């Protein structure tokens, strides 16, 4: 079986955790129009989040060696 190609867009957006069982992502809505967002909301948007378990299979397929 040939080697699989990594989806480069996904490789830049997702990181696999140390255990290899979860995938981290950055949160959306943190780039512009920040004046109307509360400091607490902006602080929360800075921290990474885990992708939902329903998306795990499709993202793992995009980054097979990640």
Protein backbone atom coordinates (compact mmCIF):
# COMPACT_ATOMS: atom_id res chain seq x y z
CA UNK A 1 0.00 0.00 0.00
CA UNK A 2 1.42 3.44 -0.91
CA UNK A 3 2.14 6.19 1.57
CA UNK A 4 -0.75 8.52 2.35
CA UNK A 5 -0.59 12.22 1.66
CA UNK A 6 -1.16 14.61 4.55
CA UNK A 7 -3.63 17.40 3.90
CA UNK A 8 -1.35 20.42 4.43
CA UNK A 9 -4.20 22.79 5.36
CA UNK A 10 -5.33 20.43 8.10
CA UNK A 11 -1.75 19.86 9.30
CA UNK A 12 -1.42 23.59 9.97
CA UNK A 13 -4.75 23.79 11.83
CA UNK A 14 -4.67 20.69 14.04
CA UNK A 15 -2.17 19.16 16.48
CA UNK A 16 -2.38 15.70 17.99
CA UNK A 17 -1.96 15.56 21.79
CA UNK A 18 0.82 13.61 23.47
CA UNK A 19 -1.30 10.51 24.03
CA UNK A 20 -2.29 10.54 20.35
CA UNK A 21 -5.96 10.08 21.22
CA UNK A 22 -7.16 13.69 21.01
CA UNK A 23 -6.74 16.53 18.52
CA UNK A 24 -6.33 20.20 19.45
CA UNK A 25 -7.60 23.15 17.46
CA UNK A 26 -7.65 26.93 17.78
CA UNK A 27 -10.95 28.69 18.42
CA UNK A 28 -12.67 30.82 15.81
CA UNK A 29 -13.87 34.46 16.13
CA UNK A 30 -10.65 35.83 17.68
CA UNK A 31 -9.19 37.79 14.76
CA UNK A 32 -11.12 41.02 14.27
CA UNK A 33 -14.11 43.01 15.56
CA UNK A 34 -12.75 42.50 19.07
CA UNK A 35 -14.00 45.76 20.60
CA UNK A 36 -17.51 44.45 21.21
CA UNK A 37 -16.31 41.19 22.73
CA UNK A 38 -15.81 41.01 26.49
CA UNK A 39 -12.33 40.47 27.98
CA UNK A 40 -13.45 37.12 29.38
CA UNK A 41 -14.63 35.96 25.97
CA UNK A 42 -11.40 37.08 24.28
CA UNK A 43 -9.34 35.31 26.96
CA UNK A 44 -11.28 32.09 26.38
CA UNK A 45 -10.76 32.36 22.62
CA UNK A 46 -6.98 32.42 23.15
CA UNK A 47 -6.92 28.96 24.70
CA UNK A 48 -6.93 25.88 22.44
CA UNK A 49 -9.86 23.49 22.38
CA UNK A 50 -10.27 19.81 21.49
CA UNK A 51 -12.16 18.81 18.38
CA UNK A 52 -15.45 17.03 18.95
CA UNK A 53 -15.44 13.24 18.92
CA UNK A 54 -17.80 13.19 15.92
CA UNK A 55 -15.14 14.95 13.80
CA UNK A 56 -12.23 12.82 15.07
CA UNK A 57 -12.35 10.18 12.34
CA UNK A 58 -12.41 12.64 9.43
CA UNK A 59 -9.60 14.81 10.85
CA UNK A 60 -7.41 11.77 11.60
CA UNK A 61 -7.82 10.76 7.97
CA UNK A 62 -6.52 14.19 6.88
CA UNK A 63 -3.42 13.98 9.11
CA UNK A 64 -2.48 10.27 9.08
CA UNK A 65 1.07 10.78 10.40
CA UNK A 66 0.34 13.80 12.61
